[in-house]
Amino acid sequence: MFEILSGLGVLCAIWGVVAALLIARDLEKRGVSVNYIWLRLLILKYLGRYAKITQDETGQVGPLFYHYVVPLNVALVLFVVLVIRGWS
């Protein structure tokens, strides 16, 4: 069970990294300057900009927003389950 949950957690983390890179690329296409060196620290700022820009354009938040938020929340839940399971 530990291996399955750990594997899913790693998969979610990879999914989140790919989504962050796609968000950065999308923002650059829209003329927003993105610093890839500090992307890890500034991703929440870029995520907010992406959400605002896509919502202004289409009336809805862009799909990449959810491709970043959902896997990180799933990874967090998996981590909590692994910690709780490890203590019992």
PDB file of N, CA and C in Angstrom:
ATOM      1  N   MET A   1       0.819  -1.195   0.000  1.00  0.00           N
ATOM      2  CA  MET A   1       0.000   0.000   0.000  1.00  0.00           C
ATOM      3  C   MET A   1       0.864   1.260   0.000  1.00  0.00           C
ATOM      4  N   PHE A   2       1.983   1.208   0.756  1.00  0.00           N
ATOM      5  CA  PHE A   2       2.884   2.349   0.828  1.00  0.00           C
ATOM      6  C   PHE A   2       3.433   2.697  -0.553  1.00  0.00           C
ATOM      7  N   GLU A   3       3.801   1.682  -1.327  1.00  0.00           N
ATOM      8  CA  GLU A   3       4.377   1.914  -2.646  1.00  0.00           C
ATOM      9  C   GLU A   3       3.371   2.553  -3.598  1.00  0.00           C
ATOM     10  N   ILE A   4       2.135   2.114  -3.521  1.00  0.00           N
ATOM     11  CA  ILE A   4       1.098   2.663  -4.401  1.00  0.00           C
ATOM     12  C   ILE A   4       0.838   4.128  -4.073  1.00  0.00           C
ATOM     13  N   LEU A   5       0.678   4.436  -2.790  1.00  0.00           N
ATOM     14  CA  LEU A   5       0.412   5.816  -2.393  1.00  0.00           C
ATOM     15  C   LEU A   5       1.611   6.714  -2.685  1.00  0.00           C
ATOM     16  N   SER A   6       2.808   6.199  -2.460  1.00  0.00           N
ATOM     17  CA  SER A   6       4.011   6.978  -2.766  1.00  0.00           C
ATOM     18  C   SER A   6       4.122   7.239  -4.262  1.00  0.00           C
ATOM     19  N   GLY A   7       3.849   6.224  -5.054  1.00  0.00           N
ATOM     20  CA  GLY A   7       3.887   6.379  -6.513  1.00  0.00           C
ATOM     21  C   GLY A   7       2.885   7.403  -7.005  1.00  0.00           C
ATOM     22  N   LEU A   8       1.683   7.359  -6.442  1.00  0.00           N
ATOM     23  CA  LEU A   8       0.671   8.345  -6.813  1.00  0.00           C
ATOM     24  C   LEU A   8       1.097   9.750  -6.407  1.00  0.00           C
ATOM     25  N   GLY A   9       1.732   9.864  -5.248  1.00  0.00           N
ATOM     26  CA  GLY A   9       2.220  11.166  -4.796  1.00  0.00           C
ATOM     27  C   GLY A   9       3.279  11.725  -5.733  1.00  0.00           C
ATOM     28  N   VAL A  10       4.201  10.880  -6.164  1.00  0.00           N
ATOM     29  CA  VAL A  10       5.247  11.309  -7.106  1.00  0.00           C
ATOM     30  C   VAL A  10       4.621  11.691  -8.443  1.00  0.00           C
ATOM     31  N   LEU A  11       3.662  10.914  -8.894  1.00  0.00           N
ATOM     32  CA  LEU A  11       2.969  11.224 -10.151  1.00  0.00           C
ATOM     33  C   LEU A  11       2.262  12.579 -10.066  1.00  0.00           C
ATOM     34  N   CYS A  12       1.632  12.861  -8.942  1.00  0.00           N
ATOM     35  CA  CYS A  12       0.964  14.152  -8.746  1.00  0.00           C
ATOM     36  C   CYS A  12       1.975  15.296  -8.737  1.00  0.00           C
ATOM     37  N   ALA A  13       3.118  15.078  -8.122  1.00  0.00           N
ATOM     38  CA  ALA A  13       4.150  16.117  -8.094  1.00  0.00           C
ATOM     39  C   ALA A  13       4.668  16.405  -9.505  1.00  0.00           C
ATOM     40  N   ILE A  14       4.891  15.373 -10.286  1.00  0.00           N
ATOM     41  CA  ILE A  14       5.346  15.562 -11.673  1.00  0.00           C
ATOM     42  C   ILE A  14       4.287  16.305 -12.471  1.00  0.00           C
ATOM     43  N   TRP A  15       3.024  15.923 -12.276  1.00  0.00           N
ATOM     44  CA  TRP A  15       1.915  16.586 -12.964  1.00  0.00           C
ATOM     45  C   TRP A  15       1.892  18.075 -12.610  1.00  0.00           C
ATOM     46  N   GLY A  16       2.112  18.402 -11.345  1.00  0.00           N
ATOM     47  CA  GLY A  16       2.135  19.795 -10.913  1.00  0.00           C
ATOM     48  C   GLY A  16       3.285  20.584 -11.527  1.00  0.00           C
ATOM     49  N   VAL A  17       4.456  19.970 -11.627  1.00  0.00           N
ATOM     50  CA  VAL A  17       5.613  20.638 -12.236  1.00  0.00           C
ATOM     51  C   VAL A  17       5.356  20.910 -13.715  1.00  0.00           C
ATOM     52  N   VAL A  18       4.827  19.928 -14.411  1.00  0.00           N
ATOM     53  CA  VAL A  18       4.516  20.118 -15.833  1.00  0.00           C
ATOM     54  C   VAL A  18       3.469  21.214 -16.008  1.00  0.00           C
ATOM     55  N   ALA A  19       2.448  21.222 -15.161  1.00  0.00           N
ATOM     56  CA  ALA A  19       1.419  22.262 -15.237  1.00  0.00           C
ATOM     57  C   ALA A  19       2.015  23.643 -14.977  1.00  0.00           C
ATOM     58  N   ALA A  20       2.943  23.743 -14.027  1.00  0.00           N
ATOM     59  CA  ALA A  20       3.587  25.031 -13.730  1.00  0.00           C
ATOM     60  C   ALA A  20       4.370  25.527 -14.943  1.00  0.00           C
ATOM     61  N   LEU A  21       5.083  24.627 -15.605  1.00  0.00           N
ATOM     62  CA  LEU A  21       5.840  25.009 -16.797  1.00  0.00           C
ATOM     63  C   LEU A  21       4.903  25.435 -17.931  1.00  0.00           C
ATOM     64  N   LEU A  22       3.785  24.743 -18.078  1.00  0.00           N
ATOM     65  CA  LEU A  22       2.814  25.111 -19.117  1.00  0.00           C
ATOM     66  C   LEU A  22       2.171  26.466 -18.813  1.00  0.00           C
ATOM     67  N   ILE A  23       1.908  26.746 -17.542  1.00  0.00           N
ATOM     68  CA  ILE A  23       1.357  28.051 -17.163  1.00  0.00           C
ATOM     69  C   ILE A  23       2.360  29.147 -17.486  1.00  0.00           C
ATOM     70  N   ALA A  24       3.622  28.916 -17.160  1.00  0.00           N
ATOM     71  CA  ALA A  24       4.659  29.906 -17.453  1.00  0.00           C
ATOM     72  C   ALA A  24       4.766  30.150 -18.958  1.00  0.00           C
ATOM     73  N   ARG A  25       4.721  29.091 -19.731  1.00  0.00           N
ATOM     74  CA  ARG A  25       4.790  29.233 -21.188  1.00  0.00           C
ATOM     75  C   ARG A  25       3.583  30.001 -21.722  1.00  0.00           C
ATOM     76  N   ASP A  26       2.412  29.700 -21.183  1.00  0.00           N
ATOM     77  CA  ASP A  26       1.199  30.389 -21.619  1.00  0.00           C
ATOM     78  C   ASP A  26       1.259  31.874 -21.282  1.00  0.00           C
ATOM     79  N   LEU A  27       1.773  32.206 -20.096  1.00  0.00           N
ATOM     80  CA  LEU A  27       1.903  33.613 -19.715  1.00  0.00           C
ATOM     81  C   LEU A  27       2.892  34.334 -20.621  1.00  0.00           C
ATOM     82  N   GLU A  28       3.984  33.676 -20.980  1.00  0.00           N
ATOM     83  CA  GLU A  28       4.942  34.302 -21.887  1.00  0.00           C
ATOM     84  C   GLU A  28       4.321  34.561 -23.252  1.00  0.00           C
ATOM     85  N   LYS A  29       3.493  33.651 -23.721  1.00  0.00           N
ATOM     86  CA  LYS A  29       2.800  33.853 -25.004  1.00  0.00           C
ATOM     87  C   LYS A  29       1.879  35.073 -24.938  1.00  0.00           C
ATOM     88  N   ARG A  30       1.391  35.382 -23.745  1.00  0.00           N
ATOM     89  CA  ARG A  30       0.482  36.523 -23.565  1.00  0.00           C
ATOM     90  C   ARG A  30       1.226  37.802 -23.192  1.00  0.00           C
ATOM     91  N   GLY A  31       2.548  37.755 -23.221  1.00  0.00           N
ATOM     92  CA  GLY A  31       3.339  38.954 -22.995  1.00  0.00           C
ATOM     93  C   GLY A  31       3.748  39.219 -21.558  1.00  0.00           C
ATOM     94  N   VAL A  32       3.532  38.268 -20.678  1.00  0.00           N
ATOM     95  CA  VAL A  32       3.925  38.426 -19.277  1.00  0.00           C
ATOM     96  C   VAL A  32       5.337  37.876 -19.113  1.00  0.00           C
ATOM     97  N   SER A  33       6.207  38.657 -18.501  1.00  0.00           N
ATOM     98  CA  SER A  33       7.577  38.222 -18.272  1.00  0.00           C
ATOM     99  C   SER A  33       7.606  37.169 -17.161  1.00  0.00           C
ATOM    100  N   VAL A  34       8.250  36.027 -17.441  1.00  0.00           N
ATOM    101  CA  VAL A  34       8.327  34.924 -16.489  1.00  0.00           C
ATOM    102  C   VAL A  34       9.791  34.621 -16.211  1.00  0.00           C
ATOM    103  N   ASN A  35      10.134  34.503 -14.945  1.00  0.00           N
ATOM    104  CA  ASN A  35      11.485  34.156 -14.544  1.00  0.00           C
ATOM    105  C   ASN A  35      11.511  32.668 -14.203  1.00  0.00           C
ATOM    106  N   TYR A  36      12.093  31.856 -15.090  1.00  0.00           N
ATOM    107  CA  TYR A  36      12.105  30.406 -14.879  1.00  0.00           C
ATOM    108  C   TYR A  36      13.033  29.997 -13.739  1.00  0.00           C
ATOM    109  N   ILE A  37      14.040  30.797 -13.457  1.00  0.00           N
ATOM    110  CA  ILE A  37      14.956  30.468 -12.367  1.00  0.00           C
ATOM    111  C   ILE A  37      14.222  30.507 -11.024  1.00  0.00           C
ATOM    112  N   TRP A  38      13.334  31.470 -10.855  1.00  0.00           N
ATOM    113  CA  TRP A  38      12.587  31.627  -9.604  1.00  0.00           C
ATOM    114  C   TRP A  38      11.157  31.106  -9.714  1.00  0.00           C
ATOM    115  N   LEU A  39      10.885  30.289 -10.709  1.00  0.00           N
ATOM    116  CA  LEU A  39       9.522  29.792 -10.941  1.00  0.00           C
ATOM    117  C   LEU A  39       8.967  29.075  -9.711  1.00  0.00           C
ATOM    118  N   ARG A  40       9.811  28.311  -9.059  1.00  0.00           N
ATOM    119  CA  ARG A  40       9.351  27.552  -7.899  1.00  0.00           C
ATOM    120  C   ARG A  40       8.826  28.467  -6.790  1.00  0.00           C
ATOM    121  N   LEU A  41       9.440  29.624  -6.629  1.00  0.00           N
ATOM    122  CA  LEU A  41       9.010  30.566  -5.591  1.00  0.00           C
ATOM    123  C   LEU A  41       7.874  31.476  -6.048  1.00  0.00           C
ATOM    124  N   LEU A  42       7.829  31.763  -7.344  1.00  0.00           N
ATOM    125  CA  LEU A  42       6.861  32.726  -7.865  1.00  0.00           C
ATOM    126  C   LEU A  42       5.637  32.088  -8.520  1.00  0.00           C
ATOM    127  N   ILE A  43       5.512  30.764  -8.440  1.00  0.00           N
ATOM    128  CA  ILE A  43       4.420  30.096  -9.148  1.00  0.00           C
ATOM    129  C   ILE A  43       3.050  30.567  -8.657  1.00  0.00           C
ATOM    130  N   LEU A  44       2.913  30.870  -7.380  1.00  0.00           N
ATOM    131  CA  LEU A  44       1.599  31.327  -6.896  1.00  0.00           C
ATOM    132  C   LEU A  44       1.239  32.688  -7.495  1.00  0.00           C
ATOM    133  N   LYS A  45       2.236  33.537  -7.667  1.00  0.00           N
ATOM    134  CA  LYS A  45       2.012  34.832  -8.320  1.00  0.00           C
ATOM    135  C   LYS A  45       1.590  34.613  -9.776  1.00  0.00           C
ATOM    136  N   TYR A  46       2.310  33.737 -10.467  1.00  0.00           N
ATOM    137  CA  TYR A  46       1.995  33.450 -11.866  1.00  0.00           C
ATOM    138  C   TYR A  46       0.649  32.739 -11.997  1.00  0.00           C
ATOM    139  N   LEU A  47       0.326  31.905 -11.032  1.00  0.00           N
ATOM    140  CA  LEU A  47      -0.963  31.214 -11.048  1.00  0.00           C
ATOM    141  C   LEU A  47      -2.108  32.216 -10.938  1.00  0.00           C
ATOM    142  N   GLY A  48      -1.949  33.200 -10.070  1.00  0.00           N
ATOM    143  CA  GLY A  48      -2.966  34.248  -9.943  1.00  0.00           C
ATOM    144  C   GLY A  48      -3.100  35.079 -11.203  1.00  0.00           C
ATOM    145  N   ARG A  49      -1.969  35.410 -11.809  1.00  0.00           N
ATOM    146  CA  ARG A  49      -2.014  36.168 -13.059  1.00  0.00           C
ATOM    147  C   ARG A  49      -2.690  35.362 -14.164  1.00  0.00           C
ATOM    148  N   TYR A  50      -2.333  34.080 -14.246  1.00  0.00           N
ATOM    149  CA  TYR A  50      -2.940  33.218 -15.262  1.00  0.00           C
ATOM    150  C   TYR A  50      -4.459  33.149 -15.076  1.00  0.00           C
ATOM    151  N   ALA A  51      -4.885  32.970 -13.825  1.00  0.00           N
ATOM    152  CA  ALA A  51      -6.322  32.887 -13.551  1.00  0.00           C
ATOM    153  C   ALA A  51      -7.021  34.183 -13.934  1.00  0.00           C
ATOM    154  N   LYS A  52      -6.427  35.314 -13.584  1.00  0.00           N
ATOM    155  CA  LYS A  52      -7.042  36.607 -13.892  1.00  0.00           C
ATOM    156  C   LYS A  52      -7.091  36.861 -15.395  1.00  0.00           C
ATOM    157  N   ILE A  53      -5.996  36.591 -16.084  1.00  0.00           N
ATOM    158  CA  ILE A  53      -5.945  36.828 -17.533  1.00  0.00           C
ATOM    159  C   ILE A  53      -6.959  35.958 -18.255  1.00  0.00           C
ATOM    160  N   THR A  54      -6.997  34.666 -17.933  1.00  0.00           N
ATOM    161  CA  THR A  54      -7.927  33.782 -18.639  1.00  0.00           C
ATOM    162  C   THR A  54      -9.375  34.086 -18.281  1.00  0.00           C
ATOM    163  N   GLN A  55      -9.611  34.506 -17.038  1.00  0.00           N
ATOM    164  CA  GLN A  55     -10.979  34.847 -16.659  1.00  0.00           C
ATOM    165  C   GLN A  55     -11.436  36.120 -17.365  1.00  0.00           C
ATOM    166  N   ASP A  56     -10.544  37.074 -17.521  1.00  0.00           N
ATOM    167  CA  ASP A  56     -10.888  38.297 -18.248  1.00  0.00           C
ATOM    168  C   ASP A  56     -11.153  38.017 -19.721  1.00  0.00           C
ATOM    169  N   GLU A  57     -10.411  37.074 -20.296  1.00  0.00           N
ATOM    170  CA  GLU A  57     -10.567  36.757 -21.716  1.00  0.00           C
ATOM    171  C   GLU A  57     -11.808  35.930 -22.003  1.00  0.00           C
ATOM    172  N   THR A  58     -12.025  34.887 -21.205  1.00  0.00           N
ATOM    173  CA  THR A  58     -13.081  33.928 -21.537  1.00  0.00           C
ATOM    174  C   THR A  58     -14.246  33.906 -20.556  1.00  0.00           C
ATOM    175  N   GLY A  59     -14.074  34.534 -19.404  1.00  0.00           N
ATOM    176  CA  GLY A  59     -15.117  34.477 -18.393  1.00  0.00           C
ATOM    177  C   GLY A  59     -14.958  33.294 -17.451  1.00  0.00           C
ATOM    178  N   GLN A  60     -13.981  32.437 -17.720  1.00  0.00           N
ATOM    179  CA  GLN A  60     -13.710  31.279 -16.875  1.00  0.00           C
ATOM    180  C   GLN A  60     -12.212  31.197 -16.627  1.00  0.00           C
ATOM    181  N   VAL A  61     -11.858  30.569 -15.522  1.00  0.00           N
ATOM    182  CA  VAL A  61     -10.443  30.339 -15.242  1.00  0.00           C
ATOM    183  C   VAL A  61      -9.947  29.273 -16.216  1.00  0.00           C
ATOM    184  N   GLY A  62      -8.740  29.460 -16.739  1.00  0.00           N
ATOM    185  CA  GLY A  62      -8.173  28.523 -17.697  1.00  0.00           C
ATOM    186  C   GLY A  62      -7.955  27.138 -17.109  1.00  0.00           C
ATOM    187  N   PRO A  63      -7.915  26.124 -17.958  1.00  0.00           N
ATOM    188  CA  PRO A  63      -7.801  24.744 -17.474  1.00  0.00           C
ATOM    189  C   PRO A  63      -6.474  24.434 -16.787  1.00  0.00           C
ATOM    190  N   LEU A  64      -5.414  25.121 -17.153  1.00  0.00           N
ATOM    191  CA  LEU A  64      -4.120  24.845 -16.529  1.00  0.00           C
ATOM    192  C   LEU A  64      -4.123  25.192 -15.043  1.00  0.00           C
ATOM    193  N   PHE A  65      -4.991  26.108 -14.643  1.00  0.00           N
ATOM    194  CA  PHE A  65      -5.123  26.444 -13.223  1.00  0.00           C
ATOM    195  C   PHE A  65      -5.469  25.192 -12.427  1.00  0.00           C
ATOM    196  N   TYR A  66      -6.449  24.457 -12.910  1.00  0.00           N
ATOM    197  CA  TYR A  66      -6.876  23.246 -12.212  1.00  0.00           C
ATOM    198  C   TYR A  66      -5.862  22.119 -12.379  1.00  0.00           C
ATOM    199  N   HIS A  67      -5.128  22.127 -13.491  1.00  0.00           N
ATOM    200  CA  HIS A  67      -4.079  21.120 -13.681  1.00  0.00           C
ATOM    201  C   HIS A  67      -2.911  21.350 -12.724  1.00  0.00           C
ATOM    202  N   TYR A  68      -2.842  22.503 -12.115  1.00  0.00           N
ATOM    203  CA  TYR A  68      -1.825  22.752 -11.095  1.00  0.00           C
ATOM    204  C   TYR A  68      -2.389  22.514  -9.697  1.00  0.00           C
ATOM    205  N   VAL A  69      -3.571  23.002  -9.429  1.00  0.00           N
ATOM    206  CA  VAL A  69      -4.144  22.961  -8.078  1.00  0.00           C
ATOM    207  C   VAL A  69      -4.567  21.548  -7.672  1.00  0.00           C
ATOM    208  N   VAL A  70      -5.234  20.833  -8.551  1.00  0.00           N
ATOM    209  CA  VAL A  70      -5.776  19.522  -8.194  1.00  0.00           C
ATOM    210  C   VAL A  70      -4.681  18.512  -7.832  1.00  0.00           C
ATOM    211  N   PRO A  71      -3.646  18.323  -8.660  1.00  0.00           N
ATOM    212  CA  PRO A  71      -2.653  17.309  -8.274  1.00  0.00           C
ATOM    213  C   PRO A  71      -1.883  17.656  -6.997  1.00  0.00           C
ATOM    214  N   LEU A  72      -1.672  18.940  -6.735  1.00  0.00           N
ATOM    215  CA  LEU A  72      -0.977  19.287  -5.500  1.00  0.00           C
ATOM    216  C   LEU A  72      -1.849  19.035  -4.284  1.00  0.00           C
ATOM    217  N   ASN A  73      -3.144  19.248  -4.408  1.00  0.00           N
ATOM    218  CA  ASN A  73      -4.049  18.920  -3.300  1.00  0.00           C
ATOM    219  C   ASN A  73      -4.136  17.413  -3.088  1.00  0.00           C
ATOM    220  N   VAL A  74      -4.165  16.655  -4.176  1.00  0.00           N
ATOM    221  CA  VAL A  74      -4.181  15.193  -4.061  1.00  0.00           C
ATOM    222  C   VAL A  74      -2.882  14.716  -3.415  1.00  0.00           C
ATOM    223  N   ALA A  75      -1.747  15.290  -3.828  1.00  0.00           N
ATOM    224  CA  ALA A  75      -0.467  14.911  -3.230  1.00  0.00           C
ATOM    225  C   ALA A  75      -0.456  15.222  -1.727  1.00  0.00           C
ATOM    226  N   LEU A  76      -1.029  16.342  -1.341  1.00  0.00           N
ATOM    227  CA  LEU A  76      -1.107  16.698   0.075  1.00  0.00           C
ATOM    228  C   LEU A  76      -1.942  15.676   0.842  1.00  0.00           C
ATOM    229  N   VAL A  77      -3.076  15.291   0.304  1.00  0.00           N
ATOM    230  CA  VAL A  77      -3.928  14.290   0.959  1.00  0.00           C
ATOM    231  C   VAL A  77      -3.191  12.956   1.058  1.00  0.00           C
ATOM    232  N   LEU A  78      -2.495  12.563  -0.007  1.00  0.00           N
ATOM    233  CA  LEU A  78      -1.738  11.310   0.030  1.00  0.00           C
ATOM    234  C   LEU A  78      -0.643  11.358   1.087  1.00  0.00           C
ATOM    235  N   PHE A  79       0.025  12.497   1.202  1.00  0.00           N
ATOM    236  CA  PHE A  79       1.060  12.647   2.217  1.00  0.00           C
ATOM    237  C   PHE A  79       0.470  12.507   3.624  1.00  0.00           C
ATOM    238  N   VAL A  80      -0.661  13.139   3.866  1.00  0.00           N
ATOM    239  CA  VAL A  80      -1.313  13.040   5.175  1.00  0.00           C
ATOM    240  C   VAL A  80      -1.701  11.593   5.463  1.00  0.00           C
ATOM    241  N   VAL A  81      -2.249  10.907   4.468  1.00  0.00           N
ATOM    242  CA  VAL A  81      -2.623   9.498   4.652  1.00  0.00           C
ATOM    243  C   VAL A  81      -1.389   8.661   4.969  1.00  0.00           C
ATOM    244  N   LEU A  82      -0.301   8.896   4.259  1.00  0.00           N
ATOM    245  CA  LEU A  82       0.930   8.139   4.526  1.00  0.00           C
ATOM    246  C   LEU A  82       1.471   8.413   5.930  1.00  0.00           C
ATOM    247  N   VAL A  83       1.402   9.657   6.378  1.00  0.00           N
ATOM    248  CA  VAL A  83       1.880   9.987   7.723  1.00  0.00           C
ATOM    249  C   VAL A  83       1.002   9.327   8.781  1.00  0.00           C
ATOM    250  N   ILE A  84      -0.303   9.417   8.612  1.00  0.00           N
ATOM    251  CA  ILE A  84      -1.219   8.817   9.579  1.00  0.00           C
ATOM    252  C   ILE A  84      -1.058   7.301   9.581  1.00  0.00           C
ATOM    253  N   ARG A  85      -0.929   6.718   8.407  1.00  0.00           N
ATOM    254  CA  ARG A  85      -0.771   5.256   8.299  1.00  0.00           C
ATOM    255  C   ARG A  85       0.552   4.802   8.920  1.00  0.00           C
ATOM    256  N   GLY A  86       1.582   5.654   8.810  1.00  0.00           N
ATOM    257  CA  GLY A  86       2.881   5.312   9.375  1.00  0.00           C
ATOM    258  C   GLY A  86       2.875   5.328  10.900  1.00  0.00           C
ATOM    259  N   TRP A  87       2.030   6.143  11.496  1.00  0.00           N
ATOM    260  CA  TRP A  87       1.969   6.237  12.960  1.00  0.00           C
ATOM    261  C   TRP A  87       1.144   5.123  13.582  1.00  0.00           C
ATOM    262  N   SER A  88       0.287   4.525  12.808  1.00  0.00           N
ATOM    263  CA  SER A  88      -0.571   3.483  13.395  1.00  0.00           C
ATOM    264  C   SER A  88      -0.038   2.097  13.142  1.00  0.00           C
TER     265      SER A  88
END
